[in-house]
Amino acid sequence: RGQLKIAVSAMASRCRLAARFHRVHGTNVRLDASRTRATRVESFANGLCFSQEPLAPGQIFLVEIEEKELGWCGHLRVGLTAHDPQSLEVVPEYSLPDLVNMGDTWVFAITRSHNRVTEDGEGARAQDSPWEPFLLIERVRIPRDTLVGRSKPGRYSHILDDLFKMNVLPATARRSRIGVLYAPQPDGTADMHIVINGEDMGPSARRLPTTRPLYAVVDVFASTKSVRVIPVEYGFPSLQTLCRLVIQKHIVHCLAIDGLDLPPPLKSFCKHE
């Protein structure tokens, strides 16, 4: 049990450090000061982003769609790559097919529907109840509430929280949350899983090598204009998160945060779940 606590604590610390974008990104991407928000400022391409650090086994890299842009065909693309972003001479224009064609890269295109991946002859897989507090993928156990994107009129109106608890968004909608992780297999390889609003889409790529570091890939493509990284805490909440919960508990609407006497970075952090 002691070793498990140490492992969970290490995972939580690593997740907090990795919950931001790499300084290397596509030419049309602009990151905010915290490198947790990526916006494509021109065209529909050159929107490639990467995680700051390689992912640990079972660690999810989760983003929320913040802005959409009409007039383009296609949506967000996510995946994993064994290429260190720092080693790229030029960031490819597209994740599909450019980055994938470089090898050791696996990318999944998010669509409005039919995102689930099944193998030929595979029957319908039993789904966890949406009320279950954890999503189970292989041996990975992830707090479900953080994974679910919801559309709420008042982000912190707690009277309404229960009413909107089951208001799960379409995959490509604003506030939808999409994550990627890899689950180790007994043969030493790994399966890549995509999670959309708390639901596992199944292994979208198999037999990934685990001998090389794997970075998350987020392609802010076409109709997806801006995304934000959502930190996922596997262990005990950080002091920063606990402070945010106290602040949110004592306000009615997120707009009230702007009137608080707090540093701008803390205000930004407190506005998000």
C-alpha atoms as a PDB file:
ATOM      1  CA  ARG A   1       0.000   0.000   0.000  1.00  0.00           C
ATOM      2  CA  GLY A   2       2.850   2.367   0.794  1.00  0.00           C
ATOM      3  CA  GLN A   3       4.392   1.828  -2.635  1.00  0.00           C
ATOM      4  CA  LEU A   4       1.012   2.485  -4.259  1.00  0.00           C
ATOM      5  CA  LYS A   5       0.700   5.808  -2.413  1.00  0.00           C
ATOM      6  CA  ILE A   6       4.189   6.795  -3.539  1.00  0.00           C
ATOM      7  CA  ALA A   7       3.357   5.867  -7.140  1.00  0.00           C
ATOM      8  CA  VAL A   8       0.088   7.852  -7.040  1.00  0.00           C
ATOM      9  CA  SER A   9       1.860  10.853  -5.527  1.00  0.00           C
ATOM     10  CA  ALA A  10       4.567  10.713  -8.205  1.00  0.00           C
ATOM     11  CA  MET A  11       1.898  10.446 -10.916  1.00  0.00           C
ATOM     12  CA  ALA A  12       0.018  13.451  -9.502  1.00  0.00           C
ATOM     13  CA  SER A  13       3.195  15.555  -9.410  1.00  0.00           C
ATOM     14  CA  ARG A  14       4.156  14.538 -12.935  1.00  0.00           C
ATOM     15  CA  CYS A  15       0.654  15.294 -14.250  1.00  0.00           C
ATOM     16  CA  ARG A  16       0.695  18.813 -12.839  1.00  0.00           C
ATOM     17  CA  LEU A  17       4.051  19.490 -14.493  1.00  0.00           C
ATOM     18  CA  ALA A  18       3.022  17.987 -17.840  1.00  0.00           C
ATOM     19  CA  ALA A  19      -0.365  19.723 -18.073  1.00  0.00           C
ATOM     20  CA  ARG A  20       0.853  22.360 -20.497  1.00  0.00           C
ATOM     21  CA  PHE A  21       1.917  22.646 -24.115  1.00  0.00           C
ATOM     22  CA  HIS A  22       5.465  22.379 -25.414  1.00  0.00           C
ATOM     23  CA  ARG A  23       7.235  25.551 -26.568  1.00  0.00           C
ATOM     24  CA  VAL A  24       7.614  23.907 -29.991  1.00  0.00           C
ATOM     25  CA  HIS A  25       4.392  24.145 -32.023  1.00  0.00           C
ATOM     26  CA  GLY A  26       2.916  24.930 -35.438  1.00  0.00           C
ATOM     27  CA  THR A  27       3.494  28.332 -37.029  1.00  0.00           C
ATOM     28  CA  ASN A  28      -0.165  29.357 -36.705  1.00  0.00           C
ATOM     29  CA  VAL A  29      -0.393  28.531 -32.982  1.00  0.00           C
ATOM     30  CA  ARG A  30      -0.235  31.093 -30.216  1.00  0.00           C
ATOM     31  CA  LEU A  31       0.111  29.950 -26.593  1.00  0.00           C
ATOM     32  CA  ASP A  32      -0.898  31.981 -23.560  1.00  0.00           C
ATOM     33  CA  ALA A  33       1.632  32.847 -20.856  1.00  0.00           C
ATOM     34  CA  SER A  34       0.919  29.666 -18.908  1.00  0.00           C
ATOM     35  CA  ARG A  35       1.149  27.503 -22.050  1.00  0.00           C
ATOM     36  CA  THR A  36      -2.155  25.881 -21.155  1.00  0.00           C
ATOM     37  CA  ARG A  37      -4.192  27.519 -23.943  1.00  0.00           C
ATOM     38  CA  ALA A  38      -3.425  27.083 -27.642  1.00  0.00           C
ATOM     39  CA  THR A  39      -5.142  29.170 -30.324  1.00  0.00           C
ATOM     40  CA  ARG A  40      -4.775  28.873 -34.094  1.00  0.00           C
ATOM     41  CA  VAL A  41      -4.637  32.468 -35.292  1.00  0.00           C
ATOM     42  CA  GLU A  42      -4.598  31.963 -39.082  1.00  0.00           C
ATOM     43  CA  SER A  43      -5.801  29.561 -41.771  1.00  0.00           C
ATOM     44  CA  PHE A  44      -6.961  26.044 -40.850  1.00  0.00           C
ATOM     45  CA  ALA A  45      -3.589  24.250 -40.655  1.00  0.00           C
ATOM     46  CA  ASN A  46      -0.177  24.570 -38.950  1.00  0.00           C
ATOM     47  CA  GLY A  47      -1.941  24.057 -35.614  1.00  0.00           C
ATOM     48  CA  LEU A  48       0.192  21.225 -34.219  1.00  0.00           C
ATOM     49  CA  CYS A  49       0.890  21.208 -30.469  1.00  0.00           C
ATOM     50  CA  PHE A  50       2.634  18.751 -28.162  1.00  0.00           C
ATOM     51  CA  SER A  51       2.668  18.014 -24.450  1.00  0.00           C
ATOM     52  CA  GLN A  52       5.453  19.691 -22.510  1.00  0.00           C
ATOM     53  CA  GLU A  53       6.697  16.332 -21.204  1.00  0.00           C
ATOM     54  CA  PRO A  54       6.406  12.704 -22.345  1.00  0.00           C
ATOM     55  CA  LEU A  55       3.396  10.956 -20.831  1.00  0.00           C
ATOM     56  CA  ALA A  56       3.755   8.330 -18.134  1.00  0.00           C
ATOM     57  CA  PRO A  57       1.939   4.997 -18.641  1.00  0.00           C
ATOM     58  CA  GLY A  58      -1.747   5.587 -17.959  1.00  0.00           C
ATOM     59  CA  GLN A  59      -1.348   9.370 -17.753  1.00  0.00           C
ATOM     60  CA  ILE A  60      -4.031  11.216 -19.726  1.00  0.00           C
ATOM     61  CA  PHE A  61      -3.370  14.462 -21.583  1.00  0.00           C
ATOM     62  CA  LEU A  62      -6.761  16.195 -21.539  1.00  0.00           C
ATOM     63  CA  VAL A  63      -7.883  19.290 -23.456  1.00  0.00           C
ATOM     64  CA  GLU A  64     -11.137  21.222 -23.601  1.00  0.00           C
ATOM     65  CA  ILE A  65     -12.370  22.855 -26.818  1.00  0.00           C
ATOM     66  CA  GLU A  66     -12.734  26.561 -26.036  1.00  0.00           C
ATOM     67  CA  GLU A  67     -13.415  28.148 -29.428  1.00  0.00           C
ATOM     68  CA  LYS A  68     -14.771  26.970 -32.766  1.00  0.00           C
ATOM     69  CA  GLU A  69     -14.409  28.587 -36.188  1.00  0.00           C
ATOM     70  CA  LEU A  70     -17.091  28.216 -38.844  1.00  0.00           C
ATOM     71  CA  GLY A  71     -16.325  27.626 -42.498  1.00  0.00           C
ATOM     72  CA  TRP A  72     -13.840  24.753 -42.222  1.00  0.00           C
ATOM     73  CA  CYS A  73     -14.305  21.008 -42.639  1.00  0.00           C
ATOM     74  CA  GLY A  74     -12.671  18.801 -40.020  1.00  0.00           C
ATOM     75  CA  HIS A  75     -12.115  18.929 -36.283  1.00  0.00           C
ATOM     76  CA  LEU A  76      -9.562  18.378 -33.546  1.00  0.00           C
ATOM     77  CA  ARG A  77      -7.003  15.588 -33.944  1.00  0.00           C
ATOM     78  CA  VAL A  78      -5.188  13.960 -31.041  1.00  0.00           C
ATOM     79  CA  GLY A  79      -2.659  11.184 -30.581  1.00  0.00           C
ATOM     80  CA  LEU A  80       0.852  10.234 -29.528  1.00  0.00           C
ATOM     81  CA  THR A  81       4.302  10.543 -31.044  1.00  0.00           C
ATOM     82  CA  ALA A  82       7.718   9.145 -30.168  1.00  0.00           C
ATOM     83  CA  HIS A  83       9.375  12.203 -31.741  1.00  0.00           C
ATOM     84  CA  ASP A  84      10.744  14.705 -29.244  1.00  0.00           C
ATOM     85  CA  PRO A  85       9.248  18.061 -30.392  1.00  0.00           C
ATOM     86  CA  GLN A  86      12.589  19.707 -29.650  1.00  0.00           C
ATOM     87  CA  SER A  87      14.239  17.502 -32.284  1.00  0.00           C
ATOM     88  CA  LEU A  88      11.916  18.575 -35.120  1.00  0.00           C
ATOM     89  CA  GLU A  89      13.668  20.811 -37.638  1.00  0.00           C
ATOM     90  CA  VAL A  90      10.283  21.967 -38.900  1.00  0.00           C
ATOM     91  CA  VAL A  91       6.901  21.320 -37.288  1.00  0.00           C
ATOM     92  CA  PRO A  92       4.744  19.586 -39.929  1.00  0.00           C
ATOM     93  CA  GLU A  93       1.752  21.414 -41.338  1.00  0.00           C
ATOM     94  CA  TYR A  94      -0.646  18.573 -40.494  1.00  0.00           C
ATOM     95  CA  SER A  95      -0.701  15.713 -38.013  1.00  0.00           C
ATOM     96  CA  LEU A  96      -2.498  13.659 -40.664  1.00  0.00           C
ATOM     97  CA  PRO A  97      -0.745  12.714 -42.858  1.00  0.00           C
ATOM     98  CA  ASP A  98       2.503  14.709 -42.426  1.00  0.00           C
ATOM     99  CA  LEU A  99       3.526  13.858 -38.845  1.00  0.00           C
ATOM    100  CA  VAL A 100       2.192  10.294 -39.131  1.00  0.00           C
ATOM    101  CA  ASN A 101       4.231   9.741 -42.293  1.00  0.00           C
ATOM    102  CA  MET A 102       7.382  10.479 -40.281  1.00  0.00           C
ATOM    103  CA  GLY A 103       6.753   7.213 -38.441  1.00  0.00           C
ATOM    104  CA  ASP A 104       6.322   6.394 -34.741  1.00  0.00           C
ATOM    105  CA  THR A 105       3.240   8.619 -34.591  1.00  0.00           C
ATOM    106  CA  TRP A 106      -0.395   7.646 -34.053  1.00  0.00           C
ATOM    107  CA  VAL A 107      -3.142  10.238 -34.550  1.00  0.00           C
ATOM    108  CA  PHE A 108      -6.927   9.957 -34.258  1.00  0.00           C
ATOM    109  CA  ALA A 109      -9.338  12.385 -35.975  1.00  0.00           C
ATOM    110  CA  ILE A 110     -12.254  13.430 -33.757  1.00  0.00           C
ATOM    111  CA  THR A 111     -15.605  13.527 -35.559  1.00  0.00           C
ATOM    112  CA  ARG A 112     -19.116  14.575 -34.583  1.00  0.00           C
ATOM    113  CA  SER A 113     -20.100  10.935 -34.197  1.00  0.00           C
ATOM    114  CA  HIS A 114     -18.825   7.364 -34.675  1.00  0.00           C
ATOM    115  CA  ASN A 115     -15.613   7.952 -32.731  1.00  0.00           C
ATOM    116  CA  ARG A 116     -15.606   4.518 -31.141  1.00  0.00           C
ATOM    117  CA  VAL A 117     -13.024   2.101 -32.519  1.00  0.00           C
ATOM    118  CA  THR A 118     -13.948  -1.599 -32.729  1.00  0.00           C
ATOM    119  CA  GLU A 119     -12.212  -4.534 -34.315  1.00  0.00           C
ATOM    120  CA  ASP A 120     -13.904  -6.822 -36.826  1.00  0.00           C
ATOM    121  CA  GLY A 121     -16.119  -9.271 -35.010  1.00  0.00           C
ATOM    122  CA  GLU A 122     -15.881  -7.429 -31.710  1.00  0.00           C
ATOM    123  CA  GLY A 123     -19.202  -7.199 -29.961  1.00  0.00           C
ATOM    124  CA  ALA A 124     -20.590  -4.244 -28.114  1.00  0.00           C
ATOM    125  CA  ARG A 125     -18.429  -3.549 -25.072  1.00  0.00           C
ATOM    126  CA  ALA A 126     -20.117  -3.087 -21.745  1.00  0.00           C
ATOM    127  CA  GLN A 127     -19.982   0.534 -20.655  1.00  0.00           C
ATOM    128  CA  ASP A 128     -19.329   1.849 -17.184  1.00  0.00           C
ATOM    129  CA  SER A 129     -22.227   3.715 -15.672  1.00  0.00           C
ATOM    130  CA  PRO A 130     -21.792   7.496 -16.195  1.00  0.00           C
ATOM    131  CA  TRP A 131     -22.390   7.842 -12.451  1.00  0.00           C
ATOM    132  CA  GLU A 132     -19.279   5.786 -11.625  1.00  0.00           C
ATOM    133  CA  PRO A 133     -16.678   8.119 -10.087  1.00  0.00           C
ATOM    134  CA  PHE A 134     -13.747   6.564 -11.980  1.00  0.00           C
ATOM    135  CA  LEU A 135     -13.157   5.581 -15.587  1.00  0.00           C
ATOM    136  CA  LEU A 136     -11.338   2.247 -15.831  1.00  0.00           C
ATOM    137  CA  ILE A 137      -9.099   1.583 -18.852  1.00  0.00           C
ATOM    138  CA  GLU A 138      -7.088  -1.606 -18.542  1.00  0.00           C
ATOM    139  CA  ARG A 139      -5.417  -1.042 -15.134  1.00  0.00           C
ATOM    140  CA  VAL A 140      -5.714   2.736 -15.365  1.00  0.00           C
ATOM    141  CA  ARG A 141      -8.163   4.427 -12.993  1.00  0.00           C
ATOM    142  CA  ILE A 142      -9.017   8.068 -13.808  1.00  0.00           C
ATOM    143  CA  PRO A 143     -11.369  10.436 -11.899  1.00  0.00           C
ATOM    144  CA  ARG A 144     -14.335  10.702 -14.269  1.00  0.00           C
ATOM    145  CA  ASP A 145     -15.722  14.095 -13.247  1.00  0.00           C
ATOM    146  CA  THR A 146     -12.714  15.979 -14.641  1.00  0.00           C
ATOM    147  CA  LEU A 147     -13.037  14.136 -17.947  1.00  0.00           C
ATOM    148  CA  VAL A 148     -16.621  15.167 -18.671  1.00  0.00           C
ATOM    149  CA  GLY A 149     -17.357  18.364 -20.562  1.00  0.00           C
ATOM    150  CA  ARG A 150     -20.659  20.035 -19.725  1.00  0.00           C
ATOM    151  CA  SER A 151     -22.514  23.128 -20.858  1.00  0.00           C
ATOM    152  CA  LYS A 152     -23.623  25.016 -17.775  1.00  0.00           C
ATOM    153  CA  PRO A 153     -25.202  28.511 -17.716  1.00  0.00           C
ATOM    154  CA  GLY A 154     -23.398  29.368 -14.462  1.00  0.00           C
ATOM    155  CA  ARG A 155     -20.166  27.454 -14.057  1.00  0.00           C
ATOM    156  CA  TYR A 156     -20.302  27.556 -10.266  1.00  0.00           C
ATOM    157  CA  SER A 157     -24.025  27.807  -9.611  1.00  0.00           C
ATOM    158  CA  HIS A 158     -24.127  24.765  -7.350  1.00  0.00           C
ATOM    159  CA  ILE A 159     -27.924  24.613  -7.319  1.00  0.00           C
ATOM    160  CA  LEU A 160     -27.800  23.900 -11.044  1.00  0.00           C
ATOM    161  CA  ASP A 161     -24.861  21.490 -10.948  1.00  0.00           C
ATOM    162  CA  ASP A 162     -27.028  18.413 -10.413  1.00  0.00           C
ATOM    163  CA  LEU A 163     -29.478  19.463 -13.121  1.00  0.00           C
ATOM    164  CA  PHE A 164     -26.681  19.695 -15.699  1.00  0.00           C
ATOM    165  CA  LYS A 165     -24.708  16.705 -14.427  1.00  0.00           C
ATOM    166  CA  MET A 166     -25.763  14.486 -17.320  1.00  0.00           C
ATOM    167  CA  ASN A 167     -25.586  17.169 -20.012  1.00  0.00           C
ATOM    168  CA  VAL A 168     -22.739  15.500 -21.912  1.00  0.00           C
ATOM    169  CA  LEU A 169     -21.665  17.413 -25.005  1.00  0.00           C
ATOM    170  CA  PRO A 170     -21.073  16.171 -28.565  1.00  0.00           C
ATOM    171  CA  ALA A 171     -17.418  15.350 -29.236  1.00  0.00           C
ATOM    172  CA  THR A 172     -16.665  18.422 -31.351  1.00  0.00           C
ATOM    173  CA  ALA A 173     -18.695  20.987 -29.381  1.00  0.00           C
ATOM    174  CA  ARG A 174     -17.322  23.844 -27.298  1.00  0.00           C
ATOM    175  CA  ARG A 175     -16.399  22.691 -23.764  1.00  0.00           C
ATOM    176  CA  SER A 176     -16.086  19.096 -24.938  1.00  0.00           C
ATOM    177  CA  ARG A 177     -13.124  17.390 -23.256  1.00  0.00           C
ATOM    178  CA  ILE A 178     -10.886  15.010 -25.175  1.00  0.00           C
ATOM    179  CA  GLY A 179      -7.886  13.118 -23.839  1.00  0.00           C
ATOM    180  CA  VAL A 180      -5.255  10.639 -24.973  1.00  0.00           C
ATOM    181  CA  LEU A 181      -3.257   8.068 -23.016  1.00  0.00           C
ATOM    182  CA  TYR A 182      -1.460   4.783 -23.501  1.00  0.00           C
ATOM    183  CA  ALA A 183      -2.111   1.600 -21.529  1.00  0.00           C
ATOM    184  CA  PRO A 184       0.792  -0.900 -21.214  1.00  0.00           C
ATOM    185  CA  GLN A 185       0.168  -4.479 -22.364  1.00  0.00           C
ATOM    186  CA  PRO A 186       1.646  -7.777 -21.104  1.00  0.00           C
ATOM    187  CA  ASP A 187       3.825  -8.126 -24.236  1.00  0.00           C
ATOM    188  CA  GLY A 188       5.697  -4.898 -23.452  1.00  0.00           C
ATOM    189  CA  THR A 189       3.835  -2.748 -25.993  1.00  0.00           C
ATOM    190  CA  ALA A 190       0.963  -0.337 -25.339  1.00  0.00           C
ATOM    191  CA  ASP A 191      -2.484   0.548 -26.686  1.00  0.00           C
ATOM    192  CA  MET A 192      -3.456   4.158 -27.339  1.00  0.00           C
ATOM    193  CA  HIS A 193      -6.864   5.167 -25.977  1.00  0.00           C
ATOM    194  CA  ILE A 194      -8.900   8.268 -26.743  1.00  0.00           C
ATOM    195  CA  VAL A 195     -11.328   9.480 -24.066  1.00  0.00           C
ATOM    196  CA  ILE A 196     -14.199  11.786 -25.066  1.00  0.00           C
ATOM    197  CA  ASN A 197     -16.226  13.388 -22.275  1.00  0.00           C
ATOM    198  CA  GLY A 198     -15.493  10.590 -19.851  1.00  0.00           C
ATOM    199  CA  GLU A 199     -16.044   7.711 -22.284  1.00  0.00           C
ATOM    200  CA  ASP A 200     -13.263   5.442 -23.498  1.00  0.00           C
ATOM    201  CA  MET A 201     -13.340   5.144 -27.293  1.00  0.00           C
ATOM    202  CA  GLY A 202     -11.388   1.890 -27.207  1.00  0.00           C
ATOM    203  CA  PRO A 203      -7.834   1.177 -28.405  1.00  0.00           C
ATOM    204  CA  SER A 204      -7.417   3.380 -31.484  1.00  0.00           C
ATOM    205  CA  ALA A 205      -3.840   2.148 -32.022  1.00  0.00           C
ATOM    206  CA  ARG A 206      -2.148  -1.014 -30.787  1.00  0.00           C
ATOM    207  CA  ARG A 207       1.386  -2.254 -30.178  1.00  0.00           C
ATOM    208  CA  LEU A 208       2.935   1.145 -29.553  1.00  0.00           C
ATOM    209  CA  PRO A 209       6.569   0.909 -28.414  1.00  0.00           C
ATOM    210  CA  THR A 210       7.155   1.791 -24.785  1.00  0.00           C
ATOM    211  CA  THR A 211      10.947   1.893 -25.039  1.00  0.00           C
ATOM    212  CA  ARG A 212      10.825   5.511 -26.242  1.00  0.00           C
ATOM    213  CA  PRO A 213       9.141   8.510 -24.569  1.00  0.00           C
ATOM    214  CA  LEU A 214       5.678   9.230 -25.976  1.00  0.00           C
ATOM    215  CA  TYR A 215       4.430  12.821 -26.249  1.00  0.00           C
ATOM    216  CA  ALA A 216       0.794  13.832 -26.659  1.00  0.00           C
ATOM    217  CA  VAL A 217      -0.142  15.364 -30.013  1.00  0.00           C
ATOM    218  CA  VAL A 218      -2.949  17.928 -30.276  1.00  0.00           C
ATOM    219  CA  ASP A 219      -3.727  19.296 -33.742  1.00  0.00           C
ATOM    220  CA  VAL A 220      -5.852  22.458 -33.464  1.00  0.00           C
ATOM    221  CA  PHE A 221      -7.272  21.812 -36.907  1.00  0.00           C
ATOM    222  CA  ALA A 222      -9.984  23.363 -39.113  1.00  0.00           C
ATOM    223  CA  SER A 223     -13.178  24.138 -37.143  1.00  0.00           C
ATOM    224  CA  THR A 224     -11.369  23.809 -33.795  1.00  0.00           C
ATOM    225  CA  LYS A 225      -9.964  27.254 -33.046  1.00  0.00           C
ATOM    226  CA  SER A 226      -8.705  27.080 -29.459  1.00  0.00           C
ATOM    227  CA  VAL A 227      -8.142  24.421 -26.783  1.00  0.00           C
ATOM    228  CA  ARG A 228      -7.104  24.488 -23.135  1.00  0.00           C
ATOM    229  CA  VAL A 229      -5.232  21.835 -21.149  1.00  0.00           C
ATOM    230  CA  ILE A 230      -7.200  20.415 -18.219  1.00  0.00           C
ATOM    231  CA  PRO A 231      -5.019  19.095 -15.374  1.00  0.00           C
ATOM    232  CA  VAL A 232      -6.100  15.697 -14.069  1.00  0.00           C
ATOM    233  CA  GLU A 233      -5.132  14.851 -10.501  1.00  0.00           C
ATOM    234  CA  TYR A 234      -4.875  11.134  -9.785  1.00  0.00           C
ATOM    235  CA  GLY A 235      -3.999  11.420  -6.120  1.00  0.00           C
ATOM    236  CA  PHE A 236      -4.788  13.988  -3.450  1.00  0.00           C
ATOM    237  CA  PRO A 237      -5.706  17.462  -4.756  1.00  0.00           C
ATOM    238  CA  SER A 238      -2.898  20.016  -4.835  1.00  0.00           C
ATOM    239  CA  LEU A 239      -2.983  23.052  -2.523  1.00  0.00           C
ATOM    240  CA  GLN A 240      -3.648  25.188  -5.607  1.00  0.00           C
ATOM    241  CA  THR A 241      -6.702  23.116  -6.478  1.00  0.00           C
ATOM    242  CA  LEU A 242      -8.009  23.201  -2.901  1.00  0.00           C
ATOM    243  CA  CYS A 243      -7.734  27.019  -2.872  1.00  0.00           C
ATOM    244  CA  ARG A 244      -9.637  27.183  -6.151  1.00  0.00           C
ATOM    245  CA  LEU A 245     -12.419  24.989  -4.746  1.00  0.00           C
ATOM    246  CA  VAL A 246     -12.788  27.271  -1.716  1.00  0.00           C
ATOM    247  CA  ILE A 247     -13.030  30.358  -3.935  1.00  0.00           C
ATOM    248  CA  GLN A 248     -15.549  28.712  -6.282  1.00  0.00           C
ATOM    249  CA  LYS A 249     -17.678  27.582  -3.348  1.00  0.00           C
ATOM    250  CA  HIS A 250     -18.225  31.150  -2.180  1.00  0.00           C
ATOM    251  CA  ILE A 251     -19.273  32.709  -5.490  1.00  0.00           C
ATOM    252  CA  VAL A 252     -22.424  32.339  -7.573  1.00  0.00           C
ATOM    253  CA  HIS A 253     -20.990  32.829 -11.066  1.00  0.00           C
ATOM    254  CA  CYS A 254     -17.517  32.672 -12.564  1.00  0.00           C
ATOM    255  CA  LEU A 255     -17.768  36.318 -13.678  1.00  0.00           C
ATOM    256  CA  ALA A 256     -17.607  37.317 -10.022  1.00  0.00           C
ATOM    257  CA  ILE A 257     -13.976  36.172  -9.977  1.00  0.00           C
ATOM    258  CA  ASP A 258     -12.983  39.242 -12.028  1.00  0.00           C
ATOM    259  CA  GLY A 259     -13.950  41.485  -9.099  1.00  0.00           C
ATOM    260  CA  LEU A 260     -11.794  39.647  -6.567  1.00  0.00           C
ATOM    261  CA  ASP A 261      -8.500  41.128  -5.376  1.00  0.00           C
ATOM    262  CA  LEU A 262      -6.362  38.322  -6.825  1.00  0.00           C
ATOM    263  CA  PRO A 263      -3.403  38.176  -9.243  1.00  0.00           C
ATOM    264  CA  PRO A 264      -4.541  37.719 -12.894  1.00  0.00           C
ATOM    265  CA  PRO A 265      -2.981  34.218 -13.264  1.00  0.00           C
ATOM    266  CA  LEU A 266      -4.874  33.025 -10.155  1.00  0.00           C
ATOM    267  CA  LYS A 267      -8.121  34.520 -11.483  1.00  0.00           C
ATOM    268  CA  SER A 268      -7.644  32.628 -14.751  1.00  0.00           C
ATOM    269  CA  PHE A 269      -6.977  29.395 -12.847  1.00  0.00           C
ATOM    270  CA  CYS A 270     -10.052  29.844 -10.654  1.00  0.00           C
ATOM    271  CA  LYS A 271     -12.363  30.346 -13.621  1.00  0.00           C
ATOM    272  CA  HIS A 272     -11.817  26.805 -14.797  1.00  0.00           C
ATOM    273  CA  GLU A 273     -12.755  23.470 -13.310  1.00  0.00           C
END
